[in-house]
Amino acid sequence: MKLEQAAKQLEAIGNPTRLNLYRILVRAGEAGRPVGYLQDTLGIAASTLSHHLHRLILTGLVTQERQATTLICRANYPIMRDLIGFLADECCADVACGAAENDAAA
């Protein structure tokens, strides 16, 4: 993953409403949640929800699918895993993991 893409995704979930929205979708699993459910759960106006969903969709973190008259939103798990991997893959790359903890204890 490129640094710029990770920064855009982190910026998108850096807003409390979008982070809450994203967590609801992550918890929902592959089934996702209808837009109406999200609006009721978050207690925000439809236009506000649309704005926040749009930001998450632009970064690839969320997908939408129309099922008849219902719009279903889902967390994009492969993209989420890529972002988490980007953050964690180089953990302790410059030092041995646990070295700082061992030095502090000594």
PDB file of N, CA and C in Angstrom:
ATOM      1  N   MET A   1       0.846  -1.175   0.000  1.00  0.00           N
ATOM      2  CA  MET A   1       0.000   0.000   0.000  1.00  0.00           C
ATOM      3  C   MET A   1       0.888   1.234   0.000  1.00  0.00           C
ATOM      4  N   LYS A   2       0.464   2.233  -0.724  1.00  0.00           N
ATOM      5  CA  LYS A   2       1.216   3.472  -0.790  1.00  0.00           C
ATOM      6  C   LYS A   2       0.845   4.379   0.374  1.00  0.00           C
ATOM      7  N   LEU A   3       1.795   5.156   0.785  1.00  0.00           N
ATOM      8  CA  LEU A   3       1.627   6.079   1.905  1.00  0.00           C
ATOM      9  C   LEU A   3       0.447   7.027   1.675  1.00  0.00           C
ATOM     10  N   GLU A   4       0.316   7.552   0.456  1.00  0.00           N
ATOM     11  CA  GLU A   4      -0.755   8.500   0.160  1.00  0.00           C
ATOM     12  C   GLU A   4      -2.135   7.863   0.333  1.00  0.00           C
ATOM     13  N   GLN A   5      -2.290   6.623  -0.117  1.00  0.00           N
ATOM     14  CA  GLN A   5      -3.576   5.934   0.017  1.00  0.00           C
ATOM     15  C   GLN A   5      -3.895   5.681   1.486  1.00  0.00           C
ATOM     16  N   ALA A   6      -2.907   5.238   2.243  1.00  0.00           N
ATOM     17  CA  ALA A   6      -3.121   5.002   3.675  1.00  0.00           C
ATOM     18  C   ALA A   6      -3.514   6.304   4.371  1.00  0.00           C
ATOM     19  N   ALA A   7      -2.864   7.393   4.007  1.00  0.00           N
ATOM     20  CA  ALA A   7      -3.179   8.691   4.623  1.00  0.00           C
ATOM     21  C   ALA A   7      -4.615   9.100   4.318  1.00  0.00           C
ATOM     22  N   LYS A   8      -5.076   8.891   3.091  1.00  0.00           N
ATOM     23  CA  LYS A   8      -6.455   9.233   2.727  1.00  0.00           C
ATOM     24  C   LYS A   8      -7.453   8.379   3.499  1.00  0.00           C
ATOM     25  N   GLN A   9      -7.157   7.100   3.649  1.00  0.00           N
ATOM     26  CA  GLN A   9      -8.055   6.216   4.380  1.00  0.00           C
ATOM     27  C   GLN A   9      -8.094   6.585   5.861  1.00  0.00           C
ATOM     28  N   LEU A  10      -6.962   6.855   6.437  1.00  0.00           N
ATOM     29  CA  LEU A  10      -6.923   7.251   7.849  1.00  0.00           C
ATOM     30  C   LEU A  10      -7.612   8.595   8.063  1.00  0.00           C
ATOM     31  N   GLU A  11      -7.456   9.494   7.117  1.00  0.00           N
ATOM     32  CA  GLU A  11      -8.147  10.782   7.209  1.00  0.00           C
ATOM     33  C   GLU A  11      -9.662  10.571   7.153  1.00  0.00           C
ATOM     34  N   ALA A  12     -10.107   9.662   6.296  1.00  0.00           N
ATOM     35  CA  ALA A  12     -11.547   9.402   6.158  1.00  0.00           C
ATOM     36  C   ALA A  12     -12.147   8.872   7.454  1.00  0.00           C
ATOM     37  N   ILE A  13     -11.431   8.031   8.162  1.00  0.00           N
ATOM     38  CA  ILE A  13     -11.964   7.492   9.418  1.00  0.00           C
ATOM     39  C   ILE A  13     -11.536   8.330  10.621  1.00  0.00           C
ATOM     40  N   GLY A  14     -10.868   9.447  10.354  1.00  0.00           N
ATOM     41  CA  GLY A  14     -10.440  10.337  11.425  1.00  0.00           C
ATOM     42  C   GLY A  14     -11.558  11.211  11.973  1.00  0.00           C
ATOM     43  N   ASN A  15     -12.702  11.195  11.341  1.00  0.00           N
ATOM     44  CA  ASN A  15     -13.863  11.932  11.808  1.00  0.00           C
ATOM     45  C   ASN A  15     -14.678  11.021  12.729  1.00  0.00           C
ATOM     46  N   PRO A  16     -15.104  11.489  13.892  1.00  0.00           N
ATOM     47  CA  PRO A  16     -15.828  10.622  14.834  1.00  0.00           C
ATOM     48  C   PRO A  16     -17.082   9.962  14.249  1.00  0.00           C
ATOM     49  N   THR A  17     -17.845  10.704  13.461  1.00  0.00           N
ATOM     50  CA  THR A  17     -19.062  10.125  12.874  1.00  0.00           C
ATOM     51  C   THR A  17     -18.703   9.033  11.875  1.00  0.00           C
ATOM     52  N   ARG A  18     -17.706   9.289  11.023  1.00  0.00           N
ATOM     53  CA  ARG A  18     -17.304   8.275  10.039  1.00  0.00           C
ATOM     54  C   ARG A  18     -16.675   7.069  10.711  1.00  0.00           C
ATOM     55  N   LEU A  19     -15.912   7.289  11.764  1.00  0.00           N
ATOM     56  CA  LEU A  19     -15.324   6.156  12.478  1.00  0.00           C
ATOM     57  C   LEU A  19     -16.421   5.297  13.095  1.00  0.00           C
ATOM     58  N   ASN A  20     -17.404   5.926  13.691  1.00  0.00           N
ATOM     59  CA  ASN A  20     -18.530   5.195  14.267  1.00  0.00           C
ATOM     60  C   ASN A  20     -19.277   4.435  13.172  1.00  0.00           C
ATOM     61  N   LEU A  21     -19.543   5.087  12.064  1.00  0.00           N
ATOM     62  CA  LEU A  21     -20.205   4.466  10.922  1.00  0.00           C
ATOM     63  C   LEU A  21     -19.410   3.264  10.426  1.00  0.00           C
ATOM     64  N   TYR A  22     -18.123   3.435  10.279  1.00  0.00           N
ATOM     65  CA  TYR A  22     -17.264   2.350   9.783  1.00  0.00           C
ATOM     66  C   TYR A  22     -17.262   1.171  10.759  1.00  0.00           C
ATOM     67  N   ARG A  23     -17.202   1.452  12.035  1.00  0.00           N
ATOM     68  CA  ARG A  23     -17.224   0.371  13.037  1.00  0.00           C
ATOM     69  C   ARG A  23     -18.536  -0.403  12.988  1.00  0.00           C
ATOM     70  N   ILE A  24     -19.637   0.294  12.765  1.00  0.00           N
ATOM     71  CA  ILE A  24     -20.937  -0.384  12.633  1.00  0.00           C
ATOM     72  C   ILE A  24     -20.890  -1.341  11.441  1.00  0.00           C
ATOM     73  N   LEU A  25     -20.325  -0.885  10.335  1.00  0.00           N
ATOM     74  CA  LEU A  25     -20.249  -1.728   9.147  1.00  0.00           C
ATOM     75  C   LEU A  25     -19.287  -2.890   9.326  1.00  0.00           C
ATOM     76  N   VAL A  26     -18.188  -2.670  10.007  1.00  0.00           N
ATOM     77  CA  VAL A  26     -17.241  -3.761  10.275  1.00  0.00           C
ATOM     78  C   VAL A  26     -17.917  -4.825  11.136  1.00  0.00           C
ATOM     79  N   ARG A  27     -18.670  -4.394  12.134  1.00  0.00           N
ATOM     80  CA  ARG A  27     -19.381  -5.336  13.018  1.00  0.00           C
ATOM     81  C   ARG A  27     -20.465  -6.103  12.279  1.00  0.00           C
ATOM     82  N   ALA A  28     -21.024  -5.514  11.225  1.00  0.00           N
ATOM     83  CA  ALA A  28     -22.141  -6.126  10.499  1.00  0.00           C
ATOM     84  C   ALA A  28     -21.721  -7.340   9.677  1.00  0.00           C
ATOM     85  N   GLY A  29     -20.439  -7.470   9.401  1.00  0.00           N
ATOM     86  CA  GLY A  29     -19.977  -8.603   8.598  1.00  0.00           C
ATOM     87  C   GLY A  29     -20.296  -8.419   7.129  1.00  0.00           C
ATOM     88  N   GLU A  30     -20.209  -9.515   6.390  1.00  0.00           N
ATOM     89  CA  GLU A  30     -20.403  -9.485   4.940  1.00  0.00           C
ATOM     90  C   GLU A  30     -21.817  -9.076   4.533  1.00  0.00           C
ATOM     91  N   ALA A  31     -22.797  -9.250   5.419  1.00  0.00           N
ATOM     92  CA  ALA A  31     -24.174  -8.885   5.093  1.00  0.00           C
ATOM     93  C   ALA A  31     -24.339  -7.374   4.962  1.00  0.00           C
ATOM     94  N   GLY A  32     -23.518  -6.617   5.666  1.00  0.00           N
ATOM     95  CA  GLY A  32     -23.621  -5.167   5.623  1.00  0.00           C
ATOM     96  C   GLY A  32     -24.871  -4.672   6.330  1.00  0.00           C
ATOM     97  N   ARG A  33     -25.176  -3.403   6.104  1.00  0.00           N
ATOM     98  CA  ARG A  33     -26.348  -2.778   6.723  1.00  0.00           C
ATOM     99  C   ARG A  33     -27.023  -1.863   5.700  1.00  0.00           C
ATOM    100  N   PRO A  34     -28.351  -1.829   5.717  1.00  0.00           N
ATOM    101  CA  PRO A  34     -29.066  -0.878   4.856  1.00  0.00           C
ATOM    102  C   PRO A  34     -28.828   0.558   5.326  1.00  0.00           C
ATOM    103  N   VAL A  35     -28.889   1.488   4.396  1.00  0.00           N
ATOM    104  CA  VAL A  35     -28.688   2.897   4.709  1.00  0.00           C
ATOM    105  C   VAL A  35     -29.677   3.356   5.780  1.00  0.00           C
ATOM    106  N   GLY A  36     -30.918   2.923   5.688  1.00  0.00           N
ATOM    107  CA  GLY A  36     -31.924   3.317   6.678  1.00  0.00           C
ATOM    108  C   GLY A  36     -31.548   2.894   8.081  1.00  0.00           C
ATOM    109  N   TYR A  37     -30.990   1.701   8.221  1.00  0.00           N
ATOM    110  CA  TYR A  37     -30.537   1.219   9.528  1.00  0.00           C
ATOM    111  C   TYR A  37     -29.421   2.117  10.046  1.00  0.00           C
ATOM    112  N   LEU A  38     -28.483   2.462   9.160  1.00  0.00           N
ATOM    113  CA  LEU A  38     -27.356   3.309   9.563  1.00  0.00           C
ATOM    114  C   LEU A  38     -27.846   4.684  10.009  1.00  0.00           C
ATOM    115  N   GLN A  39     -28.786   5.240   9.268  1.00  0.00           N
ATOM    116  CA  GLN A  39     -29.320   6.553   9.625  1.00  0.00           C
ATOM    117  C   GLN A  39     -30.014   6.499  10.979  1.00  0.00           C
ATOM    118  N   ASP A  40     -30.825   5.472  11.207  1.00  0.00           N
ATOM    119  CA  ASP A  40     -31.522   5.341  12.491  1.00  0.00           C
ATOM    120  C   ASP A  40     -30.543   5.137  13.642  1.00  0.00           C
ATOM    121  N   THR A  41     -29.547   4.309  13.421  1.00  0.00           N
ATOM    122  CA  THR A  41     -28.574   4.000  14.470  1.00  0.00           C
ATOM    123  C   THR A  41     -27.741   5.221  14.842  1.00  0.00           C
ATOM    124  N   LEU A  42     -27.315   5.958  13.839  1.00  0.00           N
ATOM    125  CA  LEU A  42     -26.472   7.131  14.089  1.00  0.00           C
ATOM    126  C   LEU A  42     -27.287   8.365  14.467  1.00  0.00           C
ATOM    127  N   GLY A  43     -28.554   8.378  14.098  1.00  0.00           N
ATOM    128  CA  GLY A  43     -29.398   9.524  14.409  1.00  0.00           C
ATOM    129  C   GLY A  43     -28.979  10.791  13.689  1.00  0.00           C
ATOM    130  N   ILE A  44     -28.607  10.656  12.416  1.00  0.00           N
ATOM    131  CA  ILE A  44     -28.189  11.825  11.634  1.00  0.00           C
ATOM    132  C   ILE A  44     -29.079  11.959  10.397  1.00  0.00           C
ATOM    133  N   ALA A  45     -29.080  13.140   9.822  1.00  0.00           N
ATOM    134  CA  ALA A  45     -29.870  13.401   8.626  1.00  0.00           C
ATOM    135  C   ALA A  45     -29.355  12.581   7.451  1.00  0.00           C
ATOM    136  N   ALA A  46     -30.249  12.279   6.517  1.00  0.00           N
ATOM    137  CA  ALA A  46     -29.885  11.490   5.338  1.00  0.00           C
ATOM    138  C   ALA A  46     -28.763  12.155   4.541  1.00  0.00           C
ATOM    139  N   SER A  47     -28.813  13.459   4.399  1.00  0.00           N
ATOM    140  CA  SER A  47     -27.773  14.166   3.639  1.00  0.00           C
ATOM    141  C   SER A  47     -26.421  14.086   4.334  1.00  0.00           C
ATOM    142  N   THR A  48     -26.424  14.143   5.652  1.00  0.00           N
ATOM    143  CA  THR A  48     -25.179  14.025   6.422  1.00  0.00           C
ATOM    144  C   THR A  48     -24.610  12.619   6.286  1.00  0.00           C
ATOM    145  N   LEU A  49     -25.477  11.621   6.399  1.00  0.00           N
ATOM    146  CA  LEU A  49     -25.036  10.233   6.234  1.00  0.00           C
ATOM    147  C   LEU A  49     -24.465  10.029   4.841  1.00  0.00           C
ATOM    148  N   SER A  50     -25.134  10.553   3.839  1.00  0.00           N
ATOM    149  CA  SER A  50     -24.664  10.422   2.460  1.00  0.00           C
ATOM    150  C   SER A  50     -23.270  11.017   2.300  1.00  0.00           C
ATOM    151  N   HIS A  51     -23.047  12.180   2.893  1.00  0.00           N
ATOM    152  CA  HIS A  51     -21.730  12.826   2.835  1.00  0.00           C
ATOM    153  C   HIS A  51     -20.660  11.931   3.457  1.00  0.00           C
ATOM    154  N   HIS A  52     -20.937  11.399   4.635  1.00  0.00           N
ATOM    155  CA  HIS A  52     -19.945  10.566   5.323  1.00  0.00           C
ATOM    156  C   HIS A  52     -19.709   9.253   4.582  1.00  0.00           C
ATOM    157  N   LEU A  53     -20.763   8.645   4.077  1.00  0.00           N
ATOM    158  CA  LEU A  53     -20.597   7.410   3.296  1.00  0.00           C
ATOM    159  C   LEU A  53     -19.767   7.674   2.047  1.00  0.00           C
ATOM    160  N   HIS A  54     -20.023   8.790   1.396  1.00  0.00           N
ATOM    161  CA  HIS A  54     -19.280   9.135   0.181  1.00  0.00           C
ATOM    162  C   HIS A  54     -17.783   9.201   0.446  1.00  0.00           C
ATOM    163  N   ARG A  55     -17.408   9.810   1.554  1.00  0.00           N
ATOM    164  CA  ARG A  55     -15.978   9.902   1.905  1.00  0.00           C
ATOM    165  C   ARG A  55     -15.365   8.518   2.104  1.00  0.00           C
ATOM    166  N   LEU A  56     -16.097   7.611   2.757  1.00  0.00           N
ATOM    167  CA  LEU A  56     -15.593   6.257   2.992  1.00  0.00           C
ATOM    168  C   LEU A  56     -15.542   5.450   1.695  1.00  0.00           C
ATOM    169  N   ILE A  57     -16.502   5.667   0.823  1.00  0.00           N
ATOM    170  CA  ILE A  57     -16.530   4.963  -0.461  1.00  0.00           C
ATOM    171  C   ILE A  57     -15.383   5.424  -1.350  1.00  0.00           C
ATOM    172  N   LEU A  58     -15.110   6.728  -1.376  1.00  0.00           N
ATOM    173  CA  LEU A  58     -14.026   7.265  -2.208  1.00  0.00           C
ATOM    174  C   LEU A  58     -12.671   6.641  -1.873  1.00  0.00           C
ATOM    175  N   THR A  59     -12.466   6.303  -0.617  1.00  0.00           N
ATOM    176  CA  THR A  59     -11.185   5.725  -0.208  1.00  0.00           C
ATOM    177  C   THR A  59     -11.183   4.203  -0.316  1.00  0.00           C
ATOM    178  N   GLY A  60     -12.320   3.616  -0.682  1.00  0.00           N
ATOM    179  CA  GLY A  60     -12.382   2.167  -0.852  1.00  0.00           C
ATOM    180  C   GLY A  60     -12.713   1.399   0.414  1.00  0.00           C
ATOM    181  N   LEU A  61     -12.878   2.088   1.526  1.00  0.00           N
ATOM    182  CA  LEU A  61     -13.148   1.400   2.793  1.00  0.00           C
ATOM    183  C   LEU A  61     -14.557   0.824   2.859  1.00  0.00           C
ATOM    184  N   VAL A  62     -15.490   1.386   2.095  1.00  0.00           N
ATOM    185  CA  VAL A  62     -16.889   0.958   2.107  1.00  0.00           C
ATOM    186  C   VAL A  62     -17.358   0.757   0.670  1.00  0.00           C
ATOM    187  N   THR A  63     -18.218  -0.234   0.481  1.00  0.00           N
ATOM    188  CA  THR A  63     -18.871  -0.457  -0.807  1.00  0.00           C
ATOM    189  C   THR A  63     -20.373  -0.355  -0.608  1.00  0.00           C
ATOM    190  N   GLN A  64     -21.075  -0.103  -1.706  1.00  0.00           N
ATOM    191  CA  GLN A  64     -22.537  -0.059  -1.669  1.00  0.00           C
ATOM    192  C   GLN A  64     -23.082  -0.945  -2.776  1.00  0.00           C
ATOM    193  N   GLU A  65     -24.229  -1.556  -2.496  1.00  0.00           N
ATOM    194  CA  GLU A  65     -24.914  -2.388  -3.480  1.00  0.00           C
ATOM    195  C   GLU A  65     -26.409  -2.147  -3.355  1.00  0.00           C
ATOM    196  N   ARG A  66     -27.055  -1.938  -4.482  1.00  0.00           N
ATOM    197  CA  ARG A  66     -28.501  -1.762  -4.472  1.00  0.00           C
ATOM    198  C   ARG A  66     -29.157  -3.129  -4.581  1.00  0.00           C
ATOM    199  N   GLN A  67     -30.050  -3.402  -3.649  1.00  0.00           N
ATOM    200  CA  GLN A  67     -30.862  -4.614  -3.676  1.00  0.00           C
ATOM    201  C   GLN A  67     -32.316  -4.169  -3.725  1.00  0.00           C
ATOM    202  N   ALA A  68     -32.904  -4.208  -4.930  1.00  0.00           N
ATOM    203  CA  ALA A  68     -34.252  -3.694  -5.177  1.00  0.00           C
ATOM    204  C   ALA A  68     -34.287  -2.213  -4.782  1.00  0.00           C
ATOM    205  N   THR A  69     -35.027  -1.852  -3.748  1.00  0.00           N
ATOM    206  CA  THR A  69     -35.115  -0.444  -3.350  1.00  0.00           C
ATOM    207  C   THR A  69     -34.216  -0.107  -2.163  1.00  0.00           C
ATOM    208  N   THR A  70     -33.443  -1.077  -1.714  1.00  0.00           N
ATOM    209  CA  THR A  70     -32.603  -0.890  -0.529  1.00  0.00           C
ATOM    210  C   THR A  70     -31.138  -0.760  -0.937  1.00  0.00           C
ATOM    211  N   LEU A  71     -30.461   0.210  -0.350  1.00  0.00           N
ATOM    212  CA  LEU A  71     -29.033   0.401  -0.578  1.00  0.00           C
ATOM    213  C   LEU A  71     -28.280  -0.215   0.596  1.00  0.00           C
ATOM    214  N   ILE A  72     -27.473  -1.229   0.320  1.00  0.00           N
ATOM    215  CA  ILE A  72     -26.718  -1.946   1.352  1.00  0.00           C
ATOM    216  C   ILE A  72     -25.276  -1.452   1.352  1.00  0.00           C
ATOM    217  N   CYS A  73     -24.770  -1.110   2.525  1.00  0.00           N
ATOM    218  CA  CYS A  73     -23.388  -0.666   2.687  1.00  0.00           C
ATOM    219  C   CYS A  73     -22.608  -1.761   3.392  1.00  0.00           C
ATOM    220  N   ARG A  74     -21.366  -1.958   2.959  1.00  0.00           N
ATOM    221  CA  ARG A  74     -20.508  -2.977   3.563  1.00  0.00           C
ATOM    222  C   ARG A  74     -19.092  -2.436   3.745  1.00  0.00           C
ATOM    223  N   ALA A  75     -18.463  -2.888   4.810  1.00  0.00           N
ATOM    224  CA  ALA A  75     -17.037  -2.617   4.972  1.00  0.00           C
ATOM    225  C   ALA A  75     -16.306  -3.447   3.917  1.00  0.00           C
ATOM    226  N   ASN A  76     -15.299  -2.860   3.306  1.00  0.00           N
ATOM    227  CA  ASN A  76     -14.482  -3.564   2.320  1.00  0.00           C
ATOM    228  C   ASN A  76     -13.314  -4.192   3.086  1.00  0.00           C
ATOM    229  N   TYR A  77     -13.494  -5.455   3.478  1.00  0.00           N
ATOM    230  CA  TYR A  77     -12.529  -6.111   4.363  1.00  0.00           C
ATOM    231  C   TYR A  77     -11.126  -6.248   3.775  1.00  0.00           C
ATOM    232  N   PRO A  78     -10.958  -6.575   2.488  1.00  0.00           N
ATOM    233  CA  PRO A  78      -9.593  -6.625   1.953  1.00  0.00           C
ATOM    234  C   PRO A  78      -8.857  -5.288   2.071  1.00  0.00           C
ATOM    235  N   ILE A  79      -9.578  -4.189   1.819  1.00  0.00           N
ATOM    236  CA  ILE A  79      -8.955  -2.864   1.947  1.00  0.00           C
ATOM    237  C   ILE A  79      -8.629  -2.575   3.411  1.00  0.00           C
ATOM    238  N   MET A  80      -9.537  -2.950   4.308  1.00  0.00           N
ATOM    239  CA  MET A  80      -9.298  -2.753   5.737  1.00  0.00           C
ATOM    240  C   MET A  80      -8.053  -3.532   6.177  1.00  0.00           C
ATOM    241  N   ARG A  81      -7.943  -4.775   5.722  1.00  0.00           N
ATOM    242  CA  ARG A  81      -6.770  -5.588   6.082  1.00  0.00           C
ATOM    243  C   ARG A  81      -5.484  -4.984   5.532  1.00  0.00           C
ATOM    244  N   ASP A  82      -5.547  -4.433   4.316  1.00  0.00           N
ATOM    245  CA  ASP A  82      -4.370  -3.771   3.743  1.00  0.00           C
ATOM    246  C   ASP A  82      -3.937  -2.593   4.603  1.00  0.00           C
ATOM    247  N   LEU A  83      -4.898  -1.806   5.063  1.00  0.00           N
ATOM    248  CA  LEU A  83      -4.577  -0.649   5.897  1.00  0.00           C
ATOM    249  C   LEU A  83      -3.994  -1.093   7.235  1.00  0.00           C
ATOM    250  N   ILE A  84      -4.594  -2.075   7.843  1.00  0.00           N
ATOM    251  CA  ILE A  84      -4.072  -2.587   9.116  1.00  0.00           C
ATOM    252  C   ILE A  84      -2.672  -3.151   8.915  1.00  0.00           C
ATOM    253  N   GLY A  85      -2.481  -3.870   7.823  1.00  0.00           N
ATOM    254  CA  GLY A  85      -1.156  -4.412   7.511  1.00  0.00           C
ATOM    255  C   GLY A  85      -0.133  -3.314   7.301  1.00  0.00           C
ATOM    256  N   PHE A  86      -0.536  -2.259   6.609  1.00  0.00           N
ATOM    257  CA  PHE A  86       0.361  -1.133   6.375  1.00  0.00           C
ATOM    258  C   PHE A  86       0.840  -0.556   7.702  1.00  0.00           C
ATOM    259  N   LEU A  87      -0.069  -0.483   8.661  1.00  0.00           N
ATOM    260  CA  LEU A  87       0.274   0.084   9.969  1.00  0.00           C
ATOM    261  C   LEU A  87       1.131  -0.865  10.801  1.00  0.00           C
ATOM    262  N   ALA A  88       0.923  -2.162  10.652  1.00  0.00           N
ATOM    263  CA  ALA A  88       1.564  -3.125  11.553  1.00  0.00           C
ATOM    264  C   ALA A  88       2.726  -3.903  10.944  1.00  0.00           C
ATOM    265  N   ASP A  89       2.830  -3.958   9.631  1.00  0.00           N
ATOM    266  CA  ASP A  89       3.819  -4.828   8.992  1.00  0.00           C
ATOM    267  C   ASP A  89       5.257  -4.514   9.383  1.00  0.00           C
ATOM    268  N   GLU A  90       5.553  -3.288   9.654  1.00  0.00           N
ATOM    269  CA  GLU A  90       6.936  -2.934   9.978  1.00  0.00           C
ATOM    270  C   GLU A  90       7.130  -2.677  11.465  1.00  0.00           C
ATOM    271  N   CYS A  91       6.248  -3.257  12.256  1.00  0.00           N
ATOM    272  CA  CYS A  91       6.362  -3.099  13.705  1.00  0.00           C
ATOM    273  C   CYS A  91       7.752  -3.517  14.163  1.00  0.00           C
ATOM    274  N   CYS A  92       8.393  -2.651  14.885  1.00  0.00           N
ATOM    275  CA  CYS A  92       9.712  -2.910  15.469  1.00  0.00           C
ATOM    276  C   CYS A  92      10.774  -3.224  14.418  1.00  0.00           C
ATOM    277  N   ALA A  93      10.596  -2.734  13.191  1.00  0.00           N
ATOM    278  CA  ALA A  93      11.543  -3.034  12.107  1.00  0.00           C
ATOM    279  C   ALA A  93      12.934  -2.500  12.407  1.00  0.00           C
ATOM    280  N   ASP A  94      13.018  -1.426  13.148  1.00  0.00           N
ATOM    281  CA  ASP A  94      14.320  -0.826  13.425  1.00  0.00           C
ATOM    282  C   ASP A  94      14.931  -1.301  14.736  1.00  0.00           C
ATOM    283  N   VAL A  95      14.163  -2.040  15.519  1.00  0.00           N
ATOM    284  CA  VAL A  95      14.661  -2.606  16.776  1.00  0.00           C
ATOM    285  C   VAL A  95      13.998  -3.963  16.981  1.00  0.00           C
ATOM    286  N   ALA A  96      14.578  -4.767  17.813  1.00  0.00           N
ATOM    287  CA  ALA A  96      13.961  -6.052  18.127  1.00  0.00           C
ATOM    288  C   ALA A  96      12.714  -5.797  18.975  1.00  0.00           C
ATOM    289  N   CYS A  97      11.617  -6.456  18.629  1.00  0.00           N
ATOM    290  CA  CYS A  97      10.391  -6.284  19.404  1.00  0.00           C
ATOM    291  C   CYS A  97      10.637  -6.661  20.864  1.00  0.00           C
ATOM    292  N   GLY A  98      10.155  -5.833  21.739  1.00  0.00           N
ATOM    293  CA  GLY A  98      10.325  -6.080  23.154  1.00  0.00           C
ATOM    294  C   GLY A  98      11.610  -5.498  23.712  1.00  0.00           C
ATOM    295  N   ALA A  99      12.521  -5.051  22.847  1.00  0.00           N
ATOM    296  CA  ALA A  99      13.801  -4.517  23.314  1.00  0.00           C
ATOM    297  C   ALA A  99      13.593  -3.283  24.167  1.00  0.00           C
ATOM    298  N   ALA A 100      12.688  -2.401  23.757  1.00  0.00           N
ATOM    299  CA  ALA A 100      12.421  -1.178  24.510  1.00  0.00           C
ATOM    300  C   ALA A 100      11.831  -1.512  25.873  1.00  0.00           C
ATOM    301  N   GLU A 101      10.943  -2.498  25.903  1.00  0.00           N
ATOM    302  CA  GLU A 101      10.336  -2.897  27.179  1.00  0.00           C
ATOM    303  C   GLU A 101      11.385  -3.496  28.105  1.00  0.00           C
ATOM    304  N   ASN A 102      12.271  -4.304  27.549  1.00  0.00           N
ATOM    305  CA  ASN A 102      13.327  -4.922  28.371  1.00  0.00           C
ATOM    306  C   ASN A 102      14.296  -3.879  28.904  1.00  0.00           C
ATOM    307  N   ASP A 103      14.620  -2.872  28.064  1.00  0.00           N
ATOM    308  CA  ASP A 103      15.531  -1.807  28.502  1.00  0.00           C
ATOM    309  C   ASP A 103      14.891  -0.983  29.623  1.00  0.00           C
ATOM    310  N   ALA A 104      13.594  -0.714  29.516  1.00  0.00           N
ATOM    311  CA  ALA A 104      12.893   0.080  30.515  1.00  0.00           C
ATOM    312  C   ALA A 104      12.805  -0.659  31.843  1.00  0.00           C
ATOM    313  N   ALA A 105      12.701  -1.966  31.799  1.00  0.00           N
ATOM    314  CA  ALA A 105      12.573  -2.760  33.018  1.00  0.00           C
ATOM    315  C   ALA A 105      13.913  -2.890  33.753  1.00  0.00           C
ATOM    316  N   ALA A 106      14.997  -2.735  33.019  1.00  0.00           N
ATOM    317  CA  ALA A 106      16.325  -2.934  33.606  1.00  0.00           C
ATOM    318  C   ALA A 106      16.788  -1.781  34.457  1.00  0.00           C
TER     319      ALA A 106
END
